[in-house]
Amino acid sequence: MKIALIGATGLVGSVMLKVLEERGFGDCELLPAASAKSVGKKVVFAGREISVVSVEQAISEKPALAIFSAGSGASLQYAPKFAEQGTYVIDNSSAWRYEADIPLVVPEINGDVITKNDHIIANPNCSTIQMVMALAPLHKAYQIDRLVISTYQSVSGTGIKALNQLYSERAGKDCEMAYPYRIDLNLLPHGGTFETNGYTTEEMKLVKETRKILRDNNIRITATVVRVPVTGGHSEAVNAEFVQDFEIPDVVKLLQSMPGVKVIDNPANNEYPMPYFAKDKDDVFVGRIRRDESQPKTLNLWVVADNLRKGAATNAIEIAQLICQKGWVK
């Protein structure tokens, strides 16, 4: 089977190479593609060096799957060209997420929405994926009425330029700035770009994508995104108000039964999720599970995941696995 990986030389693309191999795609004919300046470079996949090709060359090879991690512009330009020849496109950008006829998928939650005729499938934002993984079983049991979200997002969510800024600042060196201010020893209440309503694009992704994935446009959602000087792993404080009341032991059982979720919640021994422990893992970690004592039917959760794995690469490859399991590609 031929698989094109567009953006293969980027930060998420490099993780996708690892996850493809881990998930049993090591024997595929990989077509690593990137911008013109990267054509001819080598990537290592399943123990072999493969030359990077242009996106046009990848299209001409008519792969069964095309996985995009190259930004919205590239996705808007090239995804339809792959799709019109029968390739299944899995797109990691925000280009297609809000289109009514494009599935926005977290396989453990709503993989059933993909049909054989859906040749462009959107991968949600990293912060959305980890949050809905924790919330989906609770929404099914108790019905979410309102969410108040505060995120603590690592610089790797911005890309390699942001990582270089953090490392350079920590070493006392000058660098090209990814952010309007220093990030080392600082916090930025700023993720993405500001919209006319005063919220950022990263905050509005949490609103729009959560409703679409959980299939409930009535959920009231407000979010504040904060960029923190952590190299990898996003954390979220989630305050969830439900229509139905709950008991904490039942909440814990529901979370423990959710595939891909691990509960770490033992305050007496200082055991709780942290980005440090989530690194290079595919699970979503949930802890600090407690009732909000200021109002009824409301729960506090702390949710942590590796944003480059389940928040991006792993979720995309799981969508690819799902398409293969359905027998639509060979």
Protein backbone atom coordinates (compact mmCIF):
# COMPACT_ATOMS: atom_id res chain seq x y z
CA MET A 1 0.00 0.00 0.00
CA LYS A 2 1.22 3.50 -0.86
CA ILE A 3 0.95 6.17 1.82
CA ALA A 4 1.86 9.81 1.22
CA LEU A 5 2.95 11.87 4.21
CA ILE A 6 2.79 15.57 3.41
CA GLY A 7 4.91 17.61 5.80
CA ALA A 8 7.18 14.66 6.51
CA THR A 9 10.13 16.85 7.55
CA GLY A 10 8.18 18.88 10.13
CA LEU A 11 7.85 18.39 13.86
CA VAL A 12 4.55 16.48 13.72
CA GLY A 13 5.60 14.74 10.50
CA SER A 14 8.62 13.21 12.23
CA VAL A 15 6.36 11.81 14.95
CA MET A 16 3.95 10.49 12.32
CA LEU A 17 6.82 8.49 10.81
CA LYS A 18 7.39 6.83 14.18
CA VAL A 19 3.72 6.12 14.80
CA LEU A 20 3.18 4.70 11.29
CA GLU A 21 5.94 2.21 11.96
CA GLU A 22 4.66 1.39 15.45
CA ARG A 23 1.13 0.84 14.15
CA GLY A 24 2.08 -1.76 11.54
CA PHE A 25 2.57 0.37 8.43
CA GLY A 26 6.33 -0.30 8.21
CA ASP A 27 5.95 -2.37 5.05
CA CYS A 28 4.03 0.28 3.13
CA GLU A 29 5.49 2.21 0.21
CA LEU A 30 5.98 5.57 1.88
CA LEU A 31 5.94 8.79 -0.13
CA PRO A 32 7.35 11.48 2.15
CA ALA A 33 6.45 14.85 0.65
CA ALA A 34 7.23 18.43 1.60
CA SER A 35 7.82 21.89 0.18
CA ALA A 36 10.26 22.49 -2.67
CA LYS A 37 13.11 23.41 -0.31
CA SER A 38 12.93 19.98 1.32
CA VAL A 39 12.70 17.86 -1.85
CA GLY A 40 15.63 15.46 -2.02
CA LYS A 41 16.23 15.40 1.72
CA LYS A 42 16.16 12.00 3.41
CA VAL A 43 13.85 10.70 6.11
CA VAL A 44 14.33 7.44 7.96
CA PHE A 45 11.33 5.10 8.04
CA ALA A 46 11.28 1.46 9.14
CA GLY A 47 15.06 1.29 8.99
CA ARG A 48 15.44 2.66 5.48
CA GLU A 49 16.28 6.07 4.07
CA ILE A 50 13.67 7.53 1.72
CA SER A 51 14.01 10.67 -0.37
CA VAL A 52 11.48 13.45 0.08
CA VAL A 53 9.42 14.15 -3.04
CA SER A 54 7.24 17.05 -4.11
CA VAL A 55 3.54 17.01 -3.31
CA GLU A 56 2.81 16.91 -7.05
CA GLN A 57 4.93 13.77 -7.37
CA ALA A 58 3.08 12.18 -4.46
CA ILE A 59 -0.25 12.95 -6.13
CA SER A 60 0.90 11.32 -9.37
CA GLU A 61 1.67 8.10 -7.48
CA LYS A 62 -2.02 7.80 -6.52
CA PRO A 63 -1.50 6.59 -2.92
CA ALA A 64 -4.26 4.87 -0.98
CA LEU A 65 -3.79 7.28 1.94
CA ALA A 66 -2.44 10.81 2.20
CA ILE A 67 -1.74 12.16 5.68
CA PHE A 68 -1.28 15.92 5.87
CA SER A 69 0.68 17.85 8.47
CA ALA A 70 1.75 20.86 6.45
CA GLY A 71 -0.62 23.67 7.40
CA SER A 72 -3.99 24.84 6.14
CA GLY A 73 -2.69 26.39 2.94
CA ALA A 74 -1.16 23.17 1.68
CA SER A 75 -4.25 21.19 2.70
CA LEU A 76 -6.64 23.52 0.89
CA GLN A 77 -4.48 23.40 -2.23
CA TYR A 78 -3.64 19.71 -2.43
CA ALA A 79 -6.11 17.64 -0.38
CA PRO A 80 -8.89 17.90 -3.03
CA LYS A 81 -6.43 16.76 -5.72
CA PHE A 82 -5.67 13.60 -3.77
CA ALA A 83 -9.33 13.06 -2.90
CA GLU A 84 -10.64 13.38 -6.46
CA GLN A 85 -8.52 10.40 -7.55
CA GLY A 86 -9.79 8.21 -4.72
CA THR A 87 -7.10 8.75 -2.10
CA TYR A 88 -8.29 8.98 1.51
CA VAL A 89 -6.91 12.21 2.98
CA ILE A 90 -6.40 12.63 6.72
CA ASP A 91 -5.70 16.28 7.41
CA ASN A 92 -4.08 17.56 10.59
CA SER A 93 -4.67 21.26 9.88
CA SER A 94 -7.72 23.39 10.64
CA ALA A 95 -8.59 23.72 6.93
CA TRP A 96 -11.57 21.35 6.85
CA ARG A 97 -12.65 20.91 10.47
CA TYR A 98 -15.73 23.11 10.39
CA GLU A 99 -17.09 21.95 7.03
CA ALA A 100 -20.44 20.25 7.61
CA ASP A 101 -19.73 17.45 5.13
CA ILE A 102 -16.18 16.70 6.39
CA PRO A 103 -15.93 14.24 9.31
CA LEU A 104 -13.97 15.52 12.32
CA VAL A 105 -12.85 12.34 14.00
CA VAL A 106 -11.48 10.93 17.23
CA PRO A 107 -11.80 7.19 16.47
CA GLU A 108 -12.64 6.11 20.04
CA ILE A 109 -15.55 8.56 20.09
CA ASN A 110 -17.05 9.06 16.64
CA GLY A 111 -15.23 6.86 14.14
CA ASP A 112 -18.63 5.71 12.93
CA VAL A 113 -19.24 9.03 11.14
CA ILE A 114 -16.72 8.17 8.40
CA THR A 115 -18.28 6.66 5.26
CA LYS A 116 -16.64 5.10 2.23
CA ASN A 117 -17.32 8.27 0.27
CA ASP A 118 -15.53 10.56 2.74
CA HIS A 119 -12.19 11.12 1.05
CA ILE A 120 -11.17 14.04 3.29
CA ILE A 121 -11.24 13.43 7.04
CA ALA A 122 -10.20 16.13 9.51
CA ASN A 123 -7.98 15.49 12.52
CA PRO A 124 -9.05 17.72 15.46
CA ASN A 125 -6.86 20.19 17.29
CA CYS A 126 -4.51 18.69 19.87
CA SER A 127 -6.13 20.35 22.88
CA THR A 128 -9.59 19.28 21.72
CA ILE A 129 -8.64 15.63 21.22
CA GLN A 130 -7.36 15.05 24.73
CA MET A 131 -10.27 16.87 26.34
CA VAL A 132 -13.05 15.05 24.47
CA MET A 133 -11.38 11.72 25.19
CA ALA A 134 -12.04 12.40 28.87
CA LEU A 135 -15.43 14.04 28.40
CA ALA A 136 -17.10 11.68 25.91
CA PRO A 137 -18.06 8.93 28.39
CA LEU A 138 -19.20 11.54 30.92
CA HIS A 139 -21.32 13.36 28.34
CA LYS A 140 -22.99 10.08 27.42
CA ALA A 141 -23.80 9.35 31.06
CA TYR A 142 -24.66 12.78 32.44
CA GLN A 143 -25.01 15.20 29.46
CA ILE A 144 -22.69 18.20 29.55
CA ASP A 145 -24.42 21.55 29.94
CA ARG A 146 -21.41 23.90 30.22
CA LEU A 147 -17.61 23.73 30.04
CA VAL A 148 -15.10 26.21 31.42
CA ILE A 149 -11.63 25.35 30.11
CA SER A 150 -8.17 26.68 30.88
CA THR A 151 -5.32 25.17 28.88
CA TYR A 152 -1.59 25.11 29.58
CA GLN A 153 -0.15 24.36 26.16
CA SER A 154 3.48 23.50 25.42
CA VAL A 155 5.57 25.36 22.87
CA SER A 156 5.82 22.29 20.63
CA GLY A 157 2.21 22.99 19.70
CA THR A 158 3.49 26.07 17.86
CA GLY A 159 6.31 24.23 16.09
CA ILE A 160 10.06 23.97 15.85
CA LYS A 161 10.55 27.76 15.73
CA ALA A 162 8.91 28.05 19.16
CA LEU A 163 11.02 25.24 20.59
CA ASN A 164 14.13 27.01 19.30
CA GLN A 165 12.99 30.22 20.97
CA LEU A 166 12.55 28.50 24.33
CA TYR A 167 15.90 26.72 24.14
CA SER A 168 17.71 29.88 23.00
CA GLU A 169 16.21 32.02 25.76
CA ARG A 170 17.13 29.42 28.32
CA ALA A 171 20.71 29.45 27.02
CA GLY A 172 20.83 33.26 26.92
CA LYS A 173 21.16 33.39 23.13
CA ASP A 174 19.48 35.61 20.55
CA CYS A 175 16.96 33.89 18.31
CA GLU A 176 14.14 34.33 15.84
CA MET A 177 10.97 34.93 17.84
CA ALA A 178 7.94 32.66 17.39
CA TYR A 179 6.00 34.61 20.02
CA PRO A 180 5.58 38.36 20.60
CA TYR A 181 7.30 38.03 23.99
CA ARG A 182 9.80 35.70 25.64
CA ILE A 183 8.37 32.33 26.65
CA ASP A 184 11.07 31.08 29.06
CA LEU A 185 10.15 32.00 32.65
CA ASN A 186 6.92 33.45 31.32
CA LEU A 187 3.33 32.59 30.36
CA LEU A 188 1.44 33.92 27.35
CA PRO A 189 -2.40 34.10 27.49
CA HIS A 190 -2.33 33.90 23.73
CA GLY A 191 -2.77 30.87 21.45
CA GLY A 192 -3.22 31.42 17.73
CA THR A 193 -4.55 34.79 16.61
CA PHE A 194 -7.14 37.06 18.21
CA GLU A 195 -10.61 37.16 16.70
CA THR A 196 -13.12 40.03 16.77
CA ASN A 197 -14.87 38.57 19.84
CA GLY A 198 -11.68 38.85 21.90
CA TYR A 199 -11.04 35.11 21.92
CA THR A 200 -8.16 33.45 20.08
CA THR A 201 -8.41 30.90 17.31
CA GLU A 202 -7.09 28.21 19.68
CA GLU A 203 -9.88 29.01 22.14
CA MET A 204 -12.59 28.91 19.50
CA LYS A 205 -11.30 25.56 18.23
CA LEU A 206 -12.14 24.09 21.63
CA VAL A 207 -15.67 25.47 21.35
CA LYS A 208 -16.49 24.48 17.77
CA GLU A 209 -14.66 21.16 17.58
CA THR A 210 -15.96 19.84 20.91
CA ARG A 211 -19.56 20.42 19.84
CA LYS A 212 -19.00 18.72 16.50
CA ILE A 213 -17.21 15.66 17.89
CA LEU A 214 -19.68 15.15 20.76
CA ARG A 215 -22.57 15.86 18.34
CA ASP A 216 -24.17 18.43 20.61
CA ASN A 217 -24.37 22.08 19.58
CA ASN A 218 -26.15 22.98 22.82
CA ILE A 219 -23.06 22.63 25.03
CA ARG A 220 -22.07 26.04 26.38
CA ILE A 221 -18.29 26.40 26.25
CA THR A 222 -15.79 29.09 27.18
CA ALA A 223 -12.01 28.72 27.09
CA THR A 224 -8.75 30.50 27.92
CA VAL A 225 -5.59 29.22 26.22
CA VAL A 226 -2.22 29.81 27.86
CA ARG A 227 1.16 29.00 26.31
CA VAL A 228 3.64 27.74 28.94
CA PRO A 229 7.43 27.15 28.88
CA VAL A 230 7.10 23.37 28.57
CA THR A 231 8.69 21.62 25.59
CA GLY A 232 5.96 19.01 25.07
CA GLY A 233 2.60 17.96 26.49
CA HIS A 234 -0.58 19.97 26.91
CA SER A 235 -2.47 20.26 30.21
CA GLU A 236 -6.05 21.39 30.78
CA ALA A 237 -8.14 22.36 33.78
CA VAL A 238 -11.71 21.46 32.83
CA ASN A 239 -14.79 22.50 34.80
CA ALA A 240 -17.80 20.55 33.51
CA GLU A 241 -21.40 21.22 34.53
CA PHE A 242 -23.84 18.39 33.76
CA VAL A 243 -27.60 18.09 33.37
CA GLN A 244 -27.65 14.93 35.50
CA ASP A 245 -25.90 14.59 38.82
CA PHE A 246 -23.05 12.14 39.38
CA GLU A 247 -21.04 10.37 42.04
CA ILE A 248 -17.26 10.62 41.95
CA PRO A 249 -16.65 6.83 42.12
CA ASP A 250 -18.92 6.40 39.08
CA VAL A 251 -17.04 9.14 37.22
CA VAL A 252 -13.76 7.37 37.92
CA LYS A 253 -15.13 4.06 36.66
CA LEU A 254 -16.39 5.66 33.44
CA LEU A 255 -13.00 7.25 32.80
CA GLN A 256 -11.16 4.01 33.56
CA SER A 257 -13.36 2.14 31.08
CA MET A 258 -12.67 4.61 28.25
CA PRO A 259 -10.11 3.19 25.77
CA GLY A 260 -7.06 5.44 25.59
CA VAL A 261 -7.69 7.13 28.95
CA LYS A 262 -5.70 6.45 32.11
CA VAL A 263 -6.68 7.75 35.53
CA ILE A 264 -3.85 8.96 37.78
CA ASP A 265 -5.53 10.39 40.86
CA ASN A 266 -4.00 9.73 44.25
CA PRO A 267 -3.46 13.10 45.96
CA ALA A 268 -2.32 11.48 49.20
CA ASN A 269 0.79 10.25 47.38
CA ASN A 270 1.12 13.30 45.10
CA GLU A 271 0.07 11.26 42.08
CA TYR A 272 -1.53 13.27 39.27
CA PRO A 273 -0.98 13.72 35.53
CA MET A 274 1.91 15.86 34.32
CA PRO A 275 3.39 16.56 30.87
CA TYR A 276 6.69 15.08 32.08
CA PHE A 277 5.06 11.65 32.49
CA ALA A 278 2.90 11.90 29.34
CA LYS A 279 5.88 12.32 27.01
CA ASP A 280 5.99 9.81 24.13
CA LYS A 281 2.81 8.10 25.33
CA ASP A 282 -0.45 7.73 23.41
CA ASP A 283 -2.80 7.75 26.39
CA VAL A 284 -4.73 10.70 27.77
CA PHE A 285 -4.15 11.06 31.52
CA VAL A 286 -6.87 12.34 33.87
CA GLY A 287 -6.59 13.27 37.54
CA ARG A 288 -7.54 15.82 40.21
CA ILE A 289 -11.08 14.46 39.87
CA ARG A 290 -13.29 16.32 42.31
CA ARG A 291 -16.69 17.86 42.69
CA ASP A 292 -17.02 21.62 42.25
CA GLU A 293 -18.31 22.63 45.69
CA SER A 294 -19.44 26.06 44.49
CA GLN A 295 -22.37 24.76 42.43
CA PRO A 296 -24.30 21.51 41.88
CA LYS A 297 -23.73 18.85 39.20
CA THR A 298 -20.28 20.24 38.37
CA LEU A 299 -16.96 18.44 38.12
CA ASN A 300 -13.30 19.48 37.99
CA LEU A 301 -10.79 17.48 35.94
CA TRP A 302 -7.09 17.83 35.07
CA VAL A 303 -6.32 16.39 31.63
CA VAL A 304 -2.81 15.86 30.20
CA ALA A 305 -1.51 14.32 26.97
CA ASP A 306 1.46 14.38 24.60
CA ASN A 307 0.21 16.87 22.03
CA LEU A 308 2.43 15.49 19.25
CA ARG A 309 1.18 11.93 19.77
CA LYS A 310 -2.51 11.50 20.64
CA GLY A 311 -2.98 15.21 20.04
CA ALA A 312 -1.80 14.92 16.44
CA ALA A 313 0.13 11.99 14.95
CA THR A 314 -1.40 9.06 16.81
CA ASN A 315 -4.99 10.18 16.26
CA ALA A 316 -4.30 10.63 12.53
CA ILE A 317 -2.75 7.18 12.21
CA GLU A 318 -5.64 5.66 14.18
CA ILE A 319 -7.98 7.15 11.57
CA ALA A 320 -5.82 5.50 8.89
CA GLN A 321 -6.08 2.18 10.74
CA LEU A 322 -9.86 2.56 10.90
CA ILE A 323 -10.08 3.12 7.14
CA CYS A 324 -7.93 0.04 6.54
CA GLN A 325 -10.05 -2.05 8.93
CA LYS A 326 -13.15 -1.12 6.94
CA GLY A 327 -11.50 -2.66 3.87
CA TRP A 328 -11.67 0.50 1.75
CA VAL A 329 -7.93 0.49 0.92
CA LYS A 330 -5.33 -2.17 0.30
